[in-house]
Amino acid sequence: MGEVEPTDYTETLDALKRRVNAARFTLQRRANAELVALYWHIGDTIITKQQASAWGAGVVARLANDLQAEFPTMRGFSRSNLFSMRAFAAAWPERNGIVRQPVGQLPWTHIVQLLEKLDDQELREWYAGKDVQHAWSRAVLVHQIRTRLHDRDAAAPSNFAAALTRSDSDLAQQLATDPYTTGFLGVGADITEREFEDRLTRRIVDTLREMGTGFAFIGRQHHIEVDGDDYYIDLLFFHVEQLRYVVFELKTRKLDPRDAGQLGFSVALVDDRVRLPDRHAPTVGILLVAENNETFFRYSLAGTSHPMAVSRYELSAAEQAALPTEDTLARLAAEVAETTTER
């Protein structure tokens, strides 16, 4: 007769697995902190020797070769990496500073990007803080630096303060970047429905990267039935950290006061038919436009009770010329509606 499994075995196993994973994460963080501290020390030593003994580039190259020979299983002692260590120690001259600041929690490859792509020390520290806060990958960090997130972060005009509670308003404002850089889409004027959907699918990773951490793509032309009529939400996302739906509307023509009403209707619809009130924060809408209009915001957006923001998107000159015309967009929208109805 086999041994009877204890009733609390599964619960105990799950608790131990969580403890093991937590320990592994702690060890990884400690190992990374020790590596960053080591690289800072090497860089600081090079600076000290260069100042006291006139070490030149040739001596640093020799040091790199000797360290690689002594520690063949360790990567990171190349000549270029030693110069990065020197730049690191020069940018953060106090060792205690890197221990107490976000940069001390970053992987070395992220620190190198901060050093190579930014000259302003305040910006380096700003991006280091954002990197730690959102747990960016290196590719996301590079993208955010290249597209100057510090000029765009939480800058979109909105009515969140009036439409939401103060604490929720502050959170929602973090979702609306201004402007978004969408040049990676490369949309052509004669694109077909199938090509458009294929492009959207293939580039959704880039789209989510531009939008920021926490966004999940729910769908395009998200269907909701309203009193027997079919209604379609253009672009619907869900923010997994704030637990709220985010509706996006794109306008390539001059803004019209009715645009705020259309977006407000979409927000209200998702809020009423999709959102779970006991689990999700209020739905917000973002109107994505080629050019912001202060008058439009003042008279249209500020006058609605639905939480909405207006953000710009930027394309290169060549991509601006390739943007679909209003007629093309209308035709594509009609084709989508017809196809969906047939299904």
Protein backbone atom coordinates (compact mmCIF):
# COMPACT_ATOMS: atom_id res chain seq x y z
CA MET A 1 0.00 0.00 0.00
CA GLY A 2 1.48 3.27 -1.16
CA GLU A 3 2.20 6.16 1.13
CA VAL A 4 -0.62 8.71 1.29
CA GLU A 5 0.41 12.16 0.11
CA PRO A 6 0.05 14.78 2.88
CA THR A 7 -2.85 17.16 2.30
CA ASP A 8 -0.56 20.17 2.63
CA TYR A 9 2.17 18.89 0.29
CA THR A 10 1.24 21.00 -2.77
CA GLU A 11 0.95 24.15 -0.68
CA THR A 12 4.31 23.47 0.96
CA LEU A 13 5.97 22.79 -2.39
CA ASP A 14 4.63 26.04 -3.85
CA ALA A 15 5.90 27.99 -0.83
CA LEU A 16 9.36 26.42 -1.16
CA LYS A 17 9.51 27.15 -4.89
CA ARG A 18 8.68 30.79 -4.20
CA ARG A 19 11.45 30.87 -1.57
CA VAL A 20 13.97 29.32 -3.96
CA ASN A 21 13.08 31.79 -6.72
CA ALA A 22 13.34 34.70 -4.29
CA ALA A 23 16.75 33.49 -3.16
CA ARG A 24 17.96 33.11 -6.74
CA PHE A 25 16.80 36.64 -7.56
CA THR A 26 18.55 38.01 -4.47
CA LEU A 27 21.77 36.21 -5.39
CA GLN A 28 21.60 37.54 -8.95
CA ARG A 29 21.15 41.08 -7.67
CA ARG A 30 24.04 40.72 -5.25
CA ALA A 31 26.27 39.25 -7.96
CA ASN A 32 25.40 42.11 -10.31
CA ALA A 33 26.06 44.69 -7.58
CA GLU A 34 29.47 43.12 -6.88
CA LEU A 35 30.35 43.12 -10.60
CA VAL A 36 29.35 46.77 -10.99
CA ALA A 37 31.41 47.65 -7.89
CA LEU A 38 34.40 45.74 -9.31
CA TYR A 39 34.17 47.55 -12.64
CA TRP A 40 33.91 50.90 -10.84
CA HIS A 41 37.03 50.07 -8.81
CA ILE A 42 38.99 49.13 -11.94
CA GLY A 43 37.90 52.33 -13.62
CA ASP A 44 38.77 54.43 -10.58
CA THR A 45 42.19 52.76 -10.37
CA ILE A 46 42.90 53.61 -14.01
CA ILE A 47 41.94 57.25 -13.40
CA THR A 48 44.18 57.43 -10.32
CA LYS A 49 47.15 55.89 -12.12
CA GLN A 50 46.71 58.10 -15.17
CA GLN A 51 46.74 61.17 -12.95
CA ALA A 52 49.70 60.05 -10.81
CA SER A 53 51.82 58.02 -13.22
CA ALA A 54 50.78 59.27 -16.66
CA TRP A 55 49.37 55.94 -17.79
CA GLY A 56 48.55 56.09 -21.48
CA ALA A 57 46.26 54.10 -23.74
CA GLY A 58 49.04 51.55 -24.30
CA VAL A 59 49.26 50.75 -20.60
CA VAL A 60 45.49 50.28 -20.42
CA ALA A 61 45.67 47.89 -23.38
CA ARG A 62 48.43 45.94 -21.61
CA LEU A 63 46.33 45.83 -18.44
CA ALA A 64 43.42 44.42 -20.44
CA ASN A 65 45.60 41.68 -21.94
CA ASP A 66 47.09 40.72 -18.57
CA LEU A 67 43.69 40.57 -16.85
CA GLN A 68 42.29 38.43 -19.68
CA ALA A 69 45.26 36.08 -19.38
CA GLU A 70 44.90 35.80 -15.61
CA PHE A 71 41.12 35.29 -15.69
CA PRO A 72 40.39 33.52 -19.01
CA THR A 73 36.89 32.40 -17.95
CA MET A 74 35.77 35.95 -17.12
CA ARG A 75 34.47 38.15 -19.88
CA GLY A 76 34.60 41.91 -19.66
CA PHE A 77 38.33 42.70 -19.54
CA SER A 78 38.67 43.92 -23.11
CA ARG A 79 40.47 47.19 -23.80
CA SER A 80 37.24 48.95 -24.79
CA ASN A 81 35.45 47.70 -21.68
CA LEU A 82 38.26 48.97 -19.45
CA PHE A 83 37.82 52.41 -20.97
CA SER A 84 34.08 52.10 -20.26
CA MET A 85 34.97 51.32 -16.64
CA ARG A 86 37.10 54.46 -16.55
CA ALA A 87 34.20 56.50 -17.95
CA PHE A 88 31.90 54.92 -15.36
CA ALA A 89 34.12 55.94 -12.46
CA ALA A 90 34.50 59.43 -13.93
CA ALA A 91 30.73 59.86 -14.27
CA TRP A 92 30.02 58.58 -10.74
CA PRO A 93 33.22 59.57 -8.86
CA GLU A 94 31.97 58.51 -5.41
CA ARG A 95 31.78 54.75 -4.86
CA ASN A 96 29.09 55.16 -2.21
CA GLY A 97 27.11 57.08 -4.81
CA ILE A 98 26.70 54.10 -7.09
CA VAL A 99 25.68 51.88 -4.17
CA ARG A 100 22.88 54.23 -3.14
CA GLN A 101 21.73 55.22 -6.63
CA PRO A 102 19.73 53.29 -9.26
CA VAL A 103 22.80 52.92 -11.50
CA GLY A 104 24.22 50.45 -8.98
CA GLN A 105 21.26 48.14 -9.62
CA LEU A 106 21.62 48.09 -13.41
CA PRO A 107 23.32 45.43 -15.53
CA TRP A 108 26.70 46.53 -16.85
CA THR A 109 25.50 46.55 -20.47
CA HIS A 110 22.84 49.12 -19.51
CA ILE A 111 25.43 51.32 -17.78
CA VAL A 112 27.56 51.25 -20.94
CA GLN A 113 24.59 52.50 -22.97
CA LEU A 114 24.06 55.37 -20.52
CA LEU A 115 27.72 56.33 -20.87
CA GLU A 116 27.90 56.02 -24.65
CA LYS A 117 24.60 57.62 -25.62
CA LEU A 118 24.28 60.41 -23.05
CA ASP A 119 26.68 63.22 -22.16
CA ASP A 120 24.50 64.91 -19.55
CA GLN A 121 24.96 63.37 -16.10
CA GLU A 122 21.48 64.36 -14.90
CA LEU A 123 19.95 62.57 -17.88
CA ARG A 124 22.05 59.49 -17.19
CA GLU A 125 20.69 59.38 -13.67
CA TRP A 126 17.13 60.05 -14.87
CA TYR A 127 17.24 57.15 -17.34
CA ALA A 128 18.92 54.90 -14.76
CA GLY A 129 16.02 55.57 -12.39
CA LYS A 130 13.42 54.84 -15.07
CA ASP A 131 15.31 51.68 -16.08
CA VAL A 132 15.24 50.33 -12.52
CA GLN A 133 11.61 51.38 -12.00
CA HIS A 134 10.29 49.68 -15.15
CA ALA A 135 12.85 46.85 -15.46
CA TRP A 136 13.63 47.73 -19.08
CA SER A 137 15.56 45.45 -21.37
CA ARG A 138 18.68 46.92 -22.96
CA ALA A 139 16.85 47.36 -26.27
CA VAL A 140 14.06 49.32 -24.58
CA LEU A 141 16.59 51.53 -22.77
CA VAL A 142 18.34 52.31 -26.06
CA HIS A 143 15.02 53.04 -27.74
CA GLN A 144 13.88 55.39 -24.98
CA ILE A 145 17.17 57.30 -25.07
CA ARG A 146 17.14 57.55 -28.86
CA THR A 147 13.58 58.89 -28.90
CA ARG A 148 14.25 61.31 -25.99
CA LEU A 149 11.76 59.95 -23.50
CA HIS A 150 12.79 62.65 -21.02
CA ASP A 151 11.16 65.24 -23.29
CA ARG A 152 8.01 63.19 -23.76
CA ASP A 153 7.32 61.44 -20.47
CA ALA A 154 3.88 62.29 -19.00
CA ALA A 155 3.75 65.48 -21.08
CA ALA A 156 0.45 64.97 -22.92
CA PRO A 157 -2.34 67.47 -22.10
CA SER A 158 -5.30 65.74 -20.48
CA ASN A 159 -8.39 66.21 -18.34
CA PHE A 160 -7.36 63.41 -15.97
CA ALA A 161 -7.16 65.76 -12.97
CA ALA A 162 -10.82 66.71 -13.40
CA ALA A 163 -12.16 63.29 -14.45
CA LEU A 164 -10.30 61.05 -11.98
CA THR A 165 -9.31 61.05 -8.34
CA ARG A 166 -6.00 62.76 -7.61
CA SER A 167 -4.03 59.55 -7.05
CA ASP A 168 -5.56 57.86 -10.09
CA SER A 169 -5.00 60.97 -12.20
CA ASP A 170 -1.28 60.89 -11.47
CA LEU A 171 -1.11 57.23 -12.51
CA ALA A 172 -3.13 57.74 -15.69
CA GLN A 173 -0.96 60.69 -16.73
CA GLN A 174 2.03 58.35 -16.85
CA LEU A 175 0.35 56.45 -19.72
CA ALA A 176 0.15 59.40 -22.11
CA THR A 177 3.52 60.18 -23.68
CA ASP A 178 3.84 63.23 -25.95
CA PRO A 179 4.94 62.78 -28.65
CA TYR A 180 5.03 59.11 -29.65
CA THR A 181 7.60 58.26 -32.32
CA THR A 182 5.95 56.00 -34.89
CA GLY A 183 8.37 56.17 -37.80
CA PHE A 184 9.05 52.42 -37.47
CA LEU A 185 5.63 51.64 -39.02
CA GLY A 186 6.58 52.92 -42.51
CA VAL A 187 2.94 52.93 -43.65
CA GLY A 188 2.39 53.32 -47.43
CA ALA A 189 -0.45 55.22 -49.10
CA ASP A 190 -1.79 52.23 -51.10
CA ILE A 191 -1.67 49.65 -48.36
CA THR A 192 -4.42 47.01 -48.41
CA GLU A 193 -6.37 45.75 -45.45
CA ARG A 194 -4.44 42.46 -45.36
CA GLU A 195 -1.08 44.27 -45.63
CA PHE A 196 -2.10 46.76 -42.96
CA GLU A 197 -3.09 44.04 -40.50
CA ASP A 198 0.09 42.10 -41.29
CA ARG A 199 2.22 45.22 -40.68
CA LEU A 200 0.41 45.91 -37.42
CA THR A 201 0.98 42.34 -36.26
CA ARG A 202 4.63 42.24 -37.24
CA ARG A 203 5.40 45.60 -35.64
CA ILE A 204 3.27 45.28 -32.51
CA VAL A 205 6.41 44.64 -30.43
CA ASP A 206 7.83 47.97 -31.59
CA THR A 207 4.50 49.66 -30.91
CA LEU A 208 4.36 48.31 -27.35
CA ARG A 209 8.00 49.28 -26.81
CA GLU A 210 7.22 52.86 -27.82
CA MET A 211 4.15 53.01 -25.60
CA GLY A 212 6.13 52.03 -22.51
CA THR A 213 6.22 49.30 -19.90
CA GLY A 214 3.02 47.50 -18.92
CA PHE A 215 0.89 47.77 -22.07
CA ALA A 216 -0.74 44.64 -23.50
CA PHE A 217 -2.42 44.70 -26.92
CA ILE A 218 -6.05 43.55 -26.77
CA GLY A 219 -6.99 44.07 -30.40
CA ARG A 220 -7.88 46.24 -33.36
CA GLN A 221 -11.53 46.86 -34.25
CA HIS A 222 -12.58 45.35 -30.93
CA HIS A 223 -16.27 44.50 -31.35
CA ILE A 224 -18.95 45.57 -28.87
CA GLU A 225 -22.69 45.29 -29.53
CA VAL A 226 -24.74 48.34 -28.55
CA ASP A 227 -28.54 47.84 -28.59
CA GLY A 228 -28.33 45.51 -31.58
CA ASP A 229 -25.81 47.67 -33.45
CA ASP A 230 -22.17 46.77 -33.95
CA TYR A 231 -19.51 49.14 -32.66
CA TYR A 232 -15.75 48.75 -33.08
CA ILE A 233 -13.01 50.16 -30.88
CA ASP A 234 -10.08 51.18 -33.11
CA LEU A 235 -7.21 50.13 -30.83
CA LEU A 236 -7.69 48.66 -27.37
CA PHE A 237 -4.90 48.03 -24.87
CA PHE A 238 -4.74 46.94 -21.25
CA HIS A 239 -2.15 48.23 -18.77
CA VAL A 240 -1.21 45.31 -16.54
CA GLU A 241 0.39 47.42 -13.81
CA GLN A 242 -2.41 49.96 -13.44
CA LEU A 243 -5.11 47.36 -14.28
CA ARG A 244 -7.00 49.62 -16.67
CA TYR A 245 -8.08 49.59 -20.32
CA VAL A 246 -6.66 52.26 -22.63
CA VAL A 247 -8.45 53.25 -25.85
CA PHE A 248 -6.44 54.81 -28.69
CA GLU A 249 -7.92 56.84 -31.58
CA LEU A 250 -5.72 57.99 -34.49
CA LYS A 251 -6.44 61.19 -36.45
CA THR A 252 -4.36 62.28 -39.45
CA ARG A 253 -6.57 65.22 -40.44
CA LYS A 254 -7.27 68.50 -38.69
CA LEU A 255 -8.90 67.91 -35.33
CA ASP A 256 -12.64 68.29 -35.06
CA PRO A 257 -14.57 68.87 -31.79
CA ARG A 258 -16.55 65.75 -32.57
CA ASP A 259 -13.36 63.67 -32.18
CA ALA A 260 -13.51 64.15 -28.41
CA GLY A 261 -17.10 62.93 -28.43
CA GLN A 262 -16.19 59.85 -30.45
CA LEU A 263 -13.32 58.98 -28.13
CA GLY A 264 -15.48 59.69 -25.08
CA PHE A 265 -18.12 57.29 -26.37
CA SER A 266 -15.47 54.58 -26.86
CA VAL A 267 -14.11 55.13 -23.35
CA ALA A 268 -17.61 55.00 -21.84
CA LEU A 269 -18.41 51.85 -23.82
CA VAL A 270 -15.32 49.98 -22.69
CA ASP A 271 -15.84 51.22 -19.16
CA ASP A 272 -19.41 49.89 -19.11
CA ARG A 273 -19.19 46.72 -21.20
CA VAL A 274 -15.61 45.46 -20.78
CA ARG A 275 -14.14 46.78 -17.54
CA LEU A 276 -14.71 44.89 -14.27
CA PRO A 277 -15.49 47.67 -11.76
CA ASP A 278 -14.35 45.67 -8.74
CA ARG A 279 -10.99 44.80 -10.35
CA HIS A 280 -10.07 47.47 -12.89
CA ALA A 281 -9.29 51.18 -12.66
CA PRO A 282 -11.37 53.56 -14.82
CA THR A 283 -10.76 53.34 -18.57
CA VAL A 284 -8.86 56.20 -20.22
CA GLY A 285 -8.66 57.34 -23.84
CA ILE A 286 -5.75 58.79 -25.80
CA LEU A 287 -6.28 60.74 -29.02
CA LEU A 288 -3.16 60.30 -31.16
CA VAL A 289 -2.74 63.21 -33.58
CA ALA A 290 -0.19 64.60 -36.03
CA GLU A 291 -0.38 68.06 -34.49
CA ASN A 292 -1.77 69.12 -31.15
CA ASN A 293 -4.29 71.94 -30.95
CA GLU A 294 -4.52 73.94 -27.74
CA THR A 295 -7.90 75.42 -28.65
CA PHE A 296 -9.29 71.94 -29.35
CA PHE A 297 -8.08 70.76 -25.97
CA ARG A 298 -9.47 73.75 -24.09
CA TYR A 299 -12.98 73.65 -25.55
CA SER A 300 -13.49 69.98 -26.41
CA LEU A 301 -11.41 67.75 -24.19
CA ALA A 302 -11.59 69.82 -21.03
CA GLY A 303 -15.38 69.90 -21.24
CA THR A 304 -15.95 66.13 -21.05
CA SER A 305 -16.18 63.99 -17.93
CA HIS A 306 -14.47 61.02 -19.61
CA PRO A 307 -10.73 60.78 -18.80
CA MET A 308 -8.84 61.53 -22.03
CA ALA A 309 -5.50 62.88 -23.23
CA VAL A 310 -4.13 64.18 -26.53
CA SER A 311 -0.69 63.02 -27.72
CA ARG A 312 1.23 63.74 -30.90
CA TYR A 313 2.97 61.21 -33.12
CA GLU A 314 6.09 62.02 -35.13
CA LEU A 315 7.24 60.63 -38.48
CA SER A 316 10.23 61.43 -40.66
CA ALA A 317 9.65 63.56 -43.75
CA ALA A 318 9.70 60.51 -46.03
CA GLU A 319 7.24 58.67 -43.84
CA GLN A 320 4.96 61.70 -43.65
CA ALA A 321 4.67 61.53 -47.42
CA ALA A 322 3.84 57.83 -47.20
CA LEU A 323 1.06 58.29 -44.64
CA PRO A 324 -2.34 57.15 -45.96
CA THR A 325 -4.72 59.88 -47.03
CA GLU A 326 -8.05 60.38 -45.27
CA ASP A 327 -9.82 58.74 -48.23
CA THR A 328 -7.54 55.71 -47.97
CA LEU A 329 -8.20 55.37 -44.25
CA ALA A 330 -11.95 55.67 -44.84
CA ARG A 331 -11.80 52.96 -47.50
CA LEU A 332 -9.81 50.66 -45.20
CA ALA A 333 -12.26 51.25 -42.36
CA ALA A 334 -15.17 50.37 -44.67
CA GLU A 335 -13.41 47.19 -45.80
CA VAL A 336 -12.78 46.16 -42.19
CA ALA A 337 -16.44 46.77 -41.31
CA GLU A 338 -17.66 44.77 -44.31
CA THR A 339 -15.31 41.87 -43.60
CA THR A 340 -16.28 41.77 -39.92
CA THR A 341 -19.98 41.85 -40.78
CA GLU A 342 -19.57 38.96 -43.23
CA ARG A 343 -17.88 36.90 -40.54
